[in-house]
Amino acid sequence: MALEARRRVFKLLMRFGAIILTRFPFWNCFSMLMLFAERADQRRKPDIPVPYLYFDMGAAVICASFMSFGVKRRWFALGAALQLAVSTYASYIGEQVHYGDWLKVRMYSRTIAVIGGFLILASGSGEVYRQKPRTRSLQTTGQVFLGINLICVAYSLQHSKEDRLAYLNHIIGGEVMLQLLFVLYAVLALSFLSGYCVRTAAQMLSVLMPLVVLFIDGNVGYWHHSRRIEFWNQMKLLGQNVGIFGAAIILATDC
């Protein structure tokens, strides 16, 4: 009975993680539109040239819609990963907006992790009634992408003044706790990169991520006023971490 109850809880959590991840493109598009509207008042350009921006958002909404309804989820999850990769590459080479190096690390590492989450979905993970076996190569690639993001987070805790202050202002224990978090992120990253104890690492990450979203990313005043990150850019970053949380839940319950 206890084992059956545990399986039901895991299935419920797995569905929750899939819901978060499949709906992420809607939030990403909304936050991007709000960000570009925010820039319009200052006569600043969007990251992607406007004609291409419409096609990019259209592709994201189509992929999110089909994923949400469970129609060819694997294929459209792969499409969402490709769309996000192309969009990020186009904004990077377009150089219409210049960001600081520390902000680039935050933005691009989280995007890589969300792409990894879509690859995990495309592998067949997160399906309650799986009719075909998972594609292990896609899942492994997605795990590696999550590991890359965690390496970047660990790196930022050591070398980014902005990230260090954000954590030091909200954790008990000061520098000692910061170093412990650095070690934790590094160990989790190694787990995802090596494929060893992935389920345990994902469970730990799924517990850690809500705290990061709530206390670190949720401190919008710090990022917007003190670090000059545009309000809707910070909301977009917050949404990306929520998407990573969804991917972690899937791995934690269906690995």
C-alpha atoms as a PDB file:
ATOM      1  CA  MET A   1       0.000   0.000   0.000  1.00  0.00           C
ATOM      2  CA  ALA A   2       2.791   2.397   0.910  1.00  0.00           C
ATOM      3  CA  LEU A   3       4.588   1.644  -2.378  1.00  0.00           C
ATOM      4  CA  GLU A   4       1.402   2.232  -4.386  1.00  0.00           C
ATOM      5  CA  ALA A   5       0.763   5.531  -2.582  1.00  0.00           C
ATOM      6  CA  ARG A   6       4.328   6.599  -3.334  1.00  0.00           C
ATOM      7  CA  ARG A   7       3.882   5.812  -7.013  1.00  0.00           C
ATOM      8  CA  ARG A   8       0.710   7.895  -7.129  1.00  0.00           C
ATOM      9  CA  VAL A   9       2.459  10.833  -5.505  1.00  0.00           C
ATOM     10  CA  PHE A  10       5.345  10.535  -7.965  1.00  0.00           C
ATOM     11  CA  LYS A  11       2.939  10.426 -10.921  1.00  0.00           C
ATOM     12  CA  LEU A  12       1.154  13.515  -9.616  1.00  0.00           C
ATOM     13  CA  LEU A  13       4.444  15.375  -9.196  1.00  0.00           C
ATOM     14  CA  MET A  14       5.594  14.224 -12.632  1.00  0.00           C
ATOM     15  CA  ARG A  15       2.429  15.646 -14.194  1.00  0.00           C
ATOM     16  CA  PHE A  16       2.996  18.887 -12.315  1.00  0.00           C
ATOM     17  CA  GLY A  17       6.550  19.149 -13.661  1.00  0.00           C
ATOM     18  CA  ALA A  18       5.348  18.446 -17.206  1.00  0.00           C
ATOM     19  CA  ILE A  19       2.626  21.100 -16.887  1.00  0.00           C
ATOM     20  CA  ILE A  20       5.204  23.696 -15.799  1.00  0.00           C
ATOM     21  CA  LEU A  21       7.619  22.872 -18.605  1.00  0.00           C
ATOM     22  CA  THR A  22       5.068  22.590 -21.415  1.00  0.00           C
ATOM     23  CA  ARG A  23       3.509  25.957 -20.472  1.00  0.00           C
ATOM     24  CA  PHE A  24       6.874  27.704 -20.163  1.00  0.00           C
ATOM     25  CA  PRO A  25       6.915  29.018 -23.781  1.00  0.00           C
ATOM     26  CA  PHE A  26       3.690  30.952 -23.112  1.00  0.00           C
ATOM     27  CA  TRP A  27       5.307  32.805 -20.217  1.00  0.00           C
ATOM     28  CA  ASN A  28       8.514  33.279 -22.180  1.00  0.00           C
ATOM     29  CA  CYS A  29       6.630  34.905 -25.062  1.00  0.00           C
ATOM     30  CA  PHE A  30       4.555  37.072 -22.727  1.00  0.00           C
ATOM     31  CA  SER A  31       7.579  38.297 -20.769  1.00  0.00           C
ATOM     32  CA  MET A  32       9.446  39.004 -24.019  1.00  0.00           C
ATOM     33  CA  LEU A  33       6.541  41.067 -25.363  1.00  0.00           C
ATOM     34  CA  MET A  34       6.355  43.017 -22.115  1.00  0.00           C
ATOM     35  CA  LEU A  35      10.127  43.515 -22.157  1.00  0.00           C
ATOM     36  CA  PHE A  36      10.083  44.887 -25.681  1.00  0.00           C
ATOM     37  CA  ALA A  37       7.152  47.136 -24.806  1.00  0.00           C
ATOM     38  CA  GLU A  38       9.194  48.386 -21.847  1.00  0.00           C
ATOM     39  CA  ARG A  39      12.071  49.143 -24.203  1.00  0.00           C
ATOM     40  CA  ALA A  40       9.816  50.869 -26.719  1.00  0.00           C
ATOM     41  CA  ASP A  41       9.219  53.673 -24.222  1.00  0.00           C
ATOM     42  CA  GLN A  42      12.980  54.215 -24.146  1.00  0.00           C
ATOM     43  CA  ARG A  43      13.353  53.711 -27.903  1.00  0.00           C
ATOM     44  CA  ARG A  44      15.533  50.648 -27.434  1.00  0.00           C
ATOM     45  CA  LYS A  45      15.560  47.700 -29.813  1.00  0.00           C
ATOM     46  CA  PRO A  46      14.385  44.148 -29.038  1.00  0.00           C
ATOM     47  CA  ASP A  47      16.906  41.310 -28.998  1.00  0.00           C
ATOM     48  CA  ILE A  48      15.654  39.938 -32.332  1.00  0.00           C
ATOM     49  CA  PRO A  49      14.736  42.000 -35.436  1.00  0.00           C
ATOM     50  CA  VAL A  50      10.975  42.523 -35.540  1.00  0.00           C
ATOM     51  CA  PRO A  51      10.082  40.545 -38.712  1.00  0.00           C
ATOM     52  CA  TYR A  52      11.795  37.432 -37.317  1.00  0.00           C
ATOM     53  CA  LEU A  53      10.388  38.030 -33.845  1.00  0.00           C
ATOM     54  CA  TYR A  54       6.832  37.288 -35.010  1.00  0.00           C
ATOM     55  CA  PHE A  55       7.831  33.953 -36.558  1.00  0.00           C
ATOM     56  CA  ASP A  56       9.834  33.043 -33.466  1.00  0.00           C
ATOM     57  CA  MET A  57       6.950  33.699 -31.075  1.00  0.00           C
ATOM     58  CA  GLY A  58       4.482  31.985 -33.402  1.00  0.00           C
ATOM     59  CA  ALA A  59       6.634  28.834 -33.422  1.00  0.00           C
ATOM     60  CA  ALA A  60       6.934  28.942 -29.620  1.00  0.00           C
ATOM     61  CA  VAL A  61       3.161  29.259 -29.133  1.00  0.00           C
ATOM     62  CA  ILE A  62       2.440  26.429 -31.592  1.00  0.00           C
ATOM     63  CA  CYS A  63       4.910  24.083 -29.871  1.00  0.00           C
ATOM     64  CA  ALA A  64       3.592  25.000 -26.417  1.00  0.00           C
ATOM     65  CA  SER A  65      -0.029  24.479 -27.498  1.00  0.00           C
ATOM     66  CA  PHE A  66       0.548  21.001 -28.896  1.00  0.00           C
ATOM     67  CA  MET A  67       2.719  19.999 -25.931  1.00  0.00           C
ATOM     68  CA  SER A  68       0.065  21.221 -23.492  1.00  0.00           C
ATOM     69  CA  PHE A  69      -2.635  19.147 -25.178  1.00  0.00           C
ATOM     70  CA  GLY A  70      -0.352  16.106 -25.346  1.00  0.00           C
ATOM     71  CA  VAL A  71      -0.440  15.948 -29.148  1.00  0.00           C
ATOM     72  CA  LYS A  72       2.858  14.536 -30.457  1.00  0.00           C
ATOM     73  CA  ARG A  73       4.491  15.890 -27.297  1.00  0.00           C
ATOM     74  CA  ARG A  74       7.883  14.401 -28.077  1.00  0.00           C
ATOM     75  CA  TRP A  75       8.073  16.000 -31.502  1.00  0.00           C
ATOM     76  CA  PHE A  76       6.872  19.407 -30.368  1.00  0.00           C
ATOM     77  CA  ALA A  77       9.155  19.322 -27.317  1.00  0.00           C
ATOM     78  CA  LEU A  78      12.019  18.802 -29.732  1.00  0.00           C
ATOM     79  CA  GLY A  79      10.636  21.680 -31.813  1.00  0.00           C
ATOM     80  CA  ALA A  80      10.458  23.909 -28.738  1.00  0.00           C
ATOM     81  CA  ALA A  81      14.101  23.114 -27.949  1.00  0.00           C
ATOM     82  CA  LEU A  82      15.105  23.963 -31.522  1.00  0.00           C
ATOM     83  CA  GLN A  83      13.037  27.174 -31.523  1.00  0.00           C
ATOM     84  CA  LEU A  84      14.602  28.364 -28.279  1.00  0.00           C
ATOM     85  CA  ALA A  85      18.107  27.514 -29.513  1.00  0.00           C
ATOM     86  CA  VAL A  86      17.617  29.395 -32.808  1.00  0.00           C
ATOM     87  CA  SER A  87      16.044  32.357 -31.009  1.00  0.00           C
ATOM     88  CA  THR A  88      18.924  32.601 -28.549  1.00  0.00           C
ATOM     89  CA  TYR A  89      21.526  32.293 -31.299  1.00  0.00           C
ATOM     90  CA  ALA A  90      19.787  34.988 -33.361  1.00  0.00           C
ATOM     91  CA  SER A  91      19.704  37.392 -30.415  1.00  0.00           C
ATOM     92  CA  TYR A  92      23.361  36.662 -29.645  1.00  0.00           C
ATOM     93  CA  ILE A  93      24.705  37.286 -33.137  1.00  0.00           C
ATOM     94  CA  GLY A  94      22.324  40.199 -33.746  1.00  0.00           C
ATOM     95  CA  GLU A  95      23.985  42.262 -30.987  1.00  0.00           C
ATOM     96  CA  GLN A  96      21.102  44.727 -30.953  1.00  0.00           C
ATOM     97  CA  VAL A  97      21.239  44.844 -27.156  1.00  0.00           C
ATOM     98  CA  HIS A  98      24.416  44.713 -25.100  1.00  0.00           C
ATOM     99  CA  TYR A  99      24.457  42.970 -21.735  1.00  0.00           C
ATOM    100  CA  GLY A 100      27.139  42.730 -19.080  1.00  0.00           C
ATOM    101  CA  ASP A 101      29.154  39.510 -18.977  1.00  0.00           C
ATOM    102  CA  TRP A 102      27.650  38.428 -15.643  1.00  0.00           C
ATOM    103  CA  LEU A 103      24.132  38.924 -17.012  1.00  0.00           C
ATOM    104  CA  LYS A 104      24.971  36.976 -20.178  1.00  0.00           C
ATOM    105  CA  VAL A 105      25.993  34.029 -18.015  1.00  0.00           C
ATOM    106  CA  ARG A 106      22.664  34.169 -16.180  1.00  0.00           C
ATOM    107  CA  MET A 107      20.608  34.496 -19.355  1.00  0.00           C
ATOM    108  CA  TYR A 108      22.306  31.992 -21.637  1.00  0.00           C
ATOM    109  CA  SER A 109      22.989  29.314 -19.015  1.00  0.00           C
ATOM    110  CA  ARG A 110      19.329  29.261 -18.016  1.00  0.00           C
ATOM    111  CA  THR A 111      18.269  29.098 -21.642  1.00  0.00           C
ATOM    112  CA  ILE A 112      20.564  26.104 -22.133  1.00  0.00           C
ATOM    113  CA  ALA A 113      18.969  24.431 -19.108  1.00  0.00           C
ATOM    114  CA  VAL A 114      15.426  25.026 -20.418  1.00  0.00           C
ATOM    115  CA  ILE A 115      16.475  23.584 -23.785  1.00  0.00           C
ATOM    116  CA  GLY A 116      17.726  20.597 -21.812  1.00  0.00           C
ATOM    117  CA  GLY A 117      14.321  20.350 -20.142  1.00  0.00           C
ATOM    118  CA  PHE A 118      12.613  20.195 -23.533  1.00  0.00           C
ATOM    119  CA  LEU A 119      15.044  17.495 -24.663  1.00  0.00           C
ATOM    120  CA  ILE A 120      14.129  15.502 -21.543  1.00  0.00           C
ATOM    121  CA  LEU A 121      10.454  15.845 -22.501  1.00  0.00           C
ATOM    122  CA  ALA A 122      11.284  14.877 -26.088  1.00  0.00           C
ATOM    123  CA  SER A 123      12.941  11.714 -24.801  1.00  0.00           C
ATOM    124  CA  GLY A 124       9.606  10.517 -23.414  1.00  0.00           C
ATOM    125  CA  SER A 125      10.204  11.371 -19.766  1.00  0.00           C
ATOM    126  CA  GLY A 126       7.214  12.864 -17.983  1.00  0.00           C
ATOM    127  CA  GLU A 127       4.686  10.677 -19.803  1.00  0.00           C
ATOM    128  CA  VAL A 128       2.215   9.022 -17.443  1.00  0.00           C
ATOM    129  CA  TYR A 129       1.173   6.381 -19.979  1.00  0.00           C
ATOM    130  CA  ARG A 130       4.296   5.761 -22.003  1.00  0.00           C
ATOM    131  CA  GLN A 131       3.581   3.797 -25.170  1.00  0.00           C
ATOM    132  CA  LYS A 132       7.124   3.895 -26.552  1.00  0.00           C
ATOM    133  CA  PRO A 133      10.401   3.528 -24.656  1.00  0.00           C
ATOM    134  CA  ARG A 134      12.359   6.633 -23.750  1.00  0.00           C
ATOM    135  CA  THR A 135      15.107   7.881 -26.041  1.00  0.00           C
ATOM    136  CA  ARG A 136      18.012   7.712 -23.623  1.00  0.00           C
ATOM    137  CA  SER A 137      20.331   9.798 -25.807  1.00  0.00           C
ATOM    138  CA  LEU A 138      17.951  12.774 -25.680  1.00  0.00           C
ATOM    139  CA  GLN A 139      17.479  12.431 -21.935  1.00  0.00           C
ATOM    140  CA  THR A 140      21.234  12.227 -21.373  1.00  0.00           C
ATOM    141  CA  THR A 141      21.790  15.323 -23.513  1.00  0.00           C
ATOM    142  CA  GLY A 142      19.124  17.182 -21.555  1.00  0.00           C
ATOM    143  CA  GLN A 143      20.776  16.185 -18.283  1.00  0.00           C
ATOM    144  CA  VAL A 144      24.114  17.479 -19.568  1.00  0.00           C
ATOM    145  CA  PHE A 145      22.502  20.824 -20.415  1.00  0.00           C
ATOM    146  CA  LEU A 146      21.123  21.056 -16.885  1.00  0.00           C
ATOM    147  CA  GLY A 147      24.595  20.268 -15.579  1.00  0.00           C
ATOM    148  CA  ILE A 148      26.102  23.072 -17.662  1.00  0.00           C
ATOM    149  CA  ASN A 149      23.668  25.521 -16.096  1.00  0.00           C
ATOM    150  CA  LEU A 150      24.596  24.350 -12.595  1.00  0.00           C
ATOM    151  CA  ILE A 151      28.285  24.800 -13.386  1.00  0.00           C
ATOM    152  CA  CYS A 152      27.544  28.376 -14.447  1.00  0.00           C
ATOM    153  CA  VAL A 153      25.611  28.981 -11.219  1.00  0.00           C
ATOM    154  CA  ALA A 154      28.519  27.629  -9.166  1.00  0.00           C
ATOM    155  CA  TYR A 155      30.933  29.781 -11.165  1.00  0.00           C
ATOM    156  CA  SER A 156      28.794  32.879 -10.571  1.00  0.00           C
ATOM    157  CA  LEU A 157      28.814  32.266  -6.814  1.00  0.00           C
ATOM    158  CA  GLN A 158      32.595  32.572  -6.917  1.00  0.00           C
ATOM    159  CA  HIS A 159      33.178  35.226  -9.564  1.00  0.00           C
ATOM    160  CA  SER A 160      30.024  37.357  -9.911  1.00  0.00           C
ATOM    161  CA  LYS A 161      29.715  40.175  -7.390  1.00  0.00           C
ATOM    162  CA  GLU A 162      26.047  40.562  -8.259  1.00  0.00           C
ATOM    163  CA  ASP A 163      25.152  36.919  -7.621  1.00  0.00           C
ATOM    164  CA  ARG A 164      27.257  36.693  -4.487  1.00  0.00           C
ATOM    165  CA  LEU A 165      25.496  39.685  -2.932  1.00  0.00           C
ATOM    166  CA  ALA A 166      22.078  38.325  -3.916  1.00  0.00           C
ATOM    167  CA  TYR A 167      22.782  35.107  -2.009  1.00  0.00           C
ATOM    168  CA  LEU A 168      24.592  36.723   0.935  1.00  0.00           C
ATOM    169  CA  ASN A 169      21.634  39.035   1.515  1.00  0.00           C
ATOM    170  CA  HIS A 170      19.199  36.128   1.837  1.00  0.00           C
ATOM    171  CA  ILE A 171      21.033  33.201   3.429  1.00  0.00           C
ATOM    172  CA  ILE A 172      22.000  32.551   7.026  1.00  0.00           C
ATOM    173  CA  GLY A 173      25.651  31.743   7.617  1.00  0.00           C
ATOM    174  CA  GLY A 174      27.257  34.278   5.322  1.00  0.00           C
ATOM    175  CA  GLU A 175      30.375  33.279   3.401  1.00  0.00           C
ATOM    176  CA  VAL A 176      30.503  29.781   4.898  1.00  0.00           C
ATOM    177  CA  MET A 177      26.993  28.950   3.672  1.00  0.00           C
ATOM    178  CA  LEU A 178      27.813  30.485   0.296  1.00  0.00           C
ATOM    179  CA  GLN A 179      30.772  28.116  -0.077  1.00  0.00           C
ATOM    180  CA  LEU A 180      28.582  25.173   0.921  1.00  0.00           C
ATOM    181  CA  LEU A 181      26.085  26.160  -1.767  1.00  0.00           C
ATOM    182  CA  PHE A 182      28.957  26.363  -4.260  1.00  0.00           C
ATOM    183  CA  VAL A 183      29.960  22.799  -3.376  1.00  0.00           C
ATOM    184  CA  LEU A 184      26.337  21.638  -3.604  1.00  0.00           C
ATOM    185  CA  TYR A 185      25.855  23.145  -7.069  1.00  0.00           C
ATOM    186  CA  ALA A 186      29.159  21.649  -8.229  1.00  0.00           C
ATOM    187  CA  VAL A 187      28.237  18.169  -6.950  1.00  0.00           C
ATOM    188  CA  LEU A 188      24.794  18.338  -8.579  1.00  0.00           C
ATOM    189  CA  ALA A 189      26.400  19.490 -11.833  1.00  0.00           C
ATOM    190  CA  LEU A 190      28.824  16.553 -11.789  1.00  0.00           C
ATOM    191  CA  SER A 191      25.936  14.178 -11.177  1.00  0.00           C
ATOM    192  CA  PHE A 192      23.989  15.426 -14.194  1.00  0.00           C
ATOM    193  CA  LEU A 193      27.078  15.513 -16.402  1.00  0.00           C
ATOM    194  CA  SER A 194      28.212  12.013 -15.444  1.00  0.00           C
ATOM    195  CA  GLY A 195      24.753  10.430 -15.297  1.00  0.00           C
ATOM    196  CA  TYR A 196      25.467   9.077 -11.812  1.00  0.00           C
ATOM    197  CA  CYS A 197      22.736   9.351  -9.127  1.00  0.00           C
ATOM    198  CA  VAL A 198      20.686  11.591 -11.417  1.00  0.00           C
ATOM    199  CA  ARG A 199      17.410  10.886  -9.643  1.00  0.00           C
ATOM    200  CA  THR A 200      18.822  11.837  -6.245  1.00  0.00           C
ATOM    201  CA  ALA A 201      20.452  14.959  -7.690  1.00  0.00           C
ATOM    202  CA  ALA A 202      17.181  15.952  -9.381  1.00  0.00           C
ATOM    203  CA  GLN A 203      15.285  15.481  -6.122  1.00  0.00           C
ATOM    204  CA  MET A 204      17.760  17.754  -4.335  1.00  0.00           C
ATOM    205  CA  LEU A 205      17.543  20.313  -7.141  1.00  0.00           C
ATOM    206  CA  SER A 206      13.733  20.263  -7.082  1.00  0.00           C
ATOM    207  CA  VAL A 207      13.881  21.169  -3.376  1.00  0.00           C
ATOM    208  CA  LEU A 208      16.512  23.885  -3.901  1.00  0.00           C
ATOM    209  CA  MET A 209      14.940  25.601  -6.917  1.00  0.00           C
ATOM    210  CA  PRO A 210      11.749  26.926  -5.215  1.00  0.00           C
ATOM    211  CA  LEU A 211      13.939  28.603  -2.580  1.00  0.00           C
ATOM    212  CA  VAL A 212      16.090  30.203  -5.279  1.00  0.00           C
ATOM    213  CA  VAL A 213      13.020  31.370  -7.208  1.00  0.00           C
ATOM    214  CA  LEU A 214      11.378  32.776  -4.085  1.00  0.00           C
ATOM    215  CA  PHE A 215      14.292  34.449  -2.310  1.00  0.00           C
ATOM    216  CA  ILE A 216      16.887  35.148  -5.029  1.00  0.00           C
ATOM    217  CA  ASP A 217      15.003  35.665  -8.313  1.00  0.00           C
ATOM    218  CA  GLY A 218      11.937  36.905  -6.449  1.00  0.00           C
ATOM    219  CA  ASN A 219      13.876  39.842  -5.043  1.00  0.00           C
ATOM    220  CA  VAL A 220      12.967  41.905  -8.097  1.00  0.00           C
ATOM    221  CA  GLY A 221      13.822  45.181  -6.360  1.00  0.00           C
ATOM    222  CA  TYR A 222      17.443  44.114  -5.924  1.00  0.00           C
ATOM    223  CA  TRP A 223      17.909  43.066  -9.542  1.00  0.00           C
ATOM    224  CA  HIS A 224      15.892  45.908 -11.074  1.00  0.00           C
ATOM    225  CA  HIS A 225      16.957  48.871  -8.957  1.00  0.00           C
ATOM    226  CA  SER A 226      20.399  47.869  -7.689  1.00  0.00           C
ATOM    227  CA  ARG A 227      21.671  45.851 -10.672  1.00  0.00           C
ATOM    228  CA  ARG A 228      19.768  47.679 -13.415  1.00  0.00           C
ATOM    229  CA  ILE A 229      18.200  44.579 -14.945  1.00  0.00           C
ATOM    230  CA  GLU A 230      15.061  45.489 -16.836  1.00  0.00           C
ATOM    231  CA  PHE A 231      11.977  44.491 -14.867  1.00  0.00           C
ATOM    232  CA  TRP A 232      10.550  42.143 -17.489  1.00  0.00           C
ATOM    233  CA  ASN A 233      13.957  40.694 -18.254  1.00  0.00           C
ATOM    234  CA  GLN A 234      14.161  39.677 -14.596  1.00  0.00           C
ATOM    235  CA  MET A 235      10.654  38.220 -14.812  1.00  0.00           C
ATOM    236  CA  LYS A 236      11.775  36.253 -17.857  1.00  0.00           C
ATOM    237  CA  LEU A 237      14.788  34.942 -15.943  1.00  0.00           C
ATOM    238  CA  LEU A 238      12.518  34.006 -13.048  1.00  0.00           C
ATOM    239  CA  GLY A 239      10.271  32.076 -15.440  1.00  0.00           C
ATOM    240  CA  GLN A 240      13.284  30.228 -16.818  1.00  0.00           C
ATOM    241  CA  ASN A 241      14.206  29.000 -13.350  1.00  0.00           C
ATOM    242  CA  VAL A 242      10.611  27.841 -12.872  1.00  0.00           C
ATOM    243  CA  GLY A 243      10.971  25.888 -16.126  1.00  0.00           C
ATOM    244  CA  ILE A 244      14.203  24.333 -14.837  1.00  0.00           C
ATOM    245  CA  PHE A 245      12.310  23.413 -11.667  1.00  0.00           C
ATOM    246  CA  GLY A 246       9.750  21.596 -13.822  1.00  0.00           C
ATOM    247  CA  ALA A 247      12.494  19.646 -15.586  1.00  0.00           C
ATOM    248  CA  ALA A 248      14.047  18.722 -12.227  1.00  0.00           C
ATOM    249  CA  ILE A 249      10.708  17.379 -10.966  1.00  0.00           C
ATOM    250  CA  ILE A 250      10.356  15.197 -14.061  1.00  0.00           C
ATOM    251  CA  LEU A 251      13.821  13.721 -13.592  1.00  0.00           C
ATOM    252  CA  ALA A 252      13.221  13.287  -9.869  1.00  0.00           C
ATOM    253  CA  THR A 253      10.040  11.275 -10.368  1.00  0.00           C
ATOM    254  CA  ASP A 254      10.532   9.529 -13.740  1.00  0.00           C
ATOM    255  CA  CYS A 255      14.185   8.650 -14.072  1.00  0.00           C
END
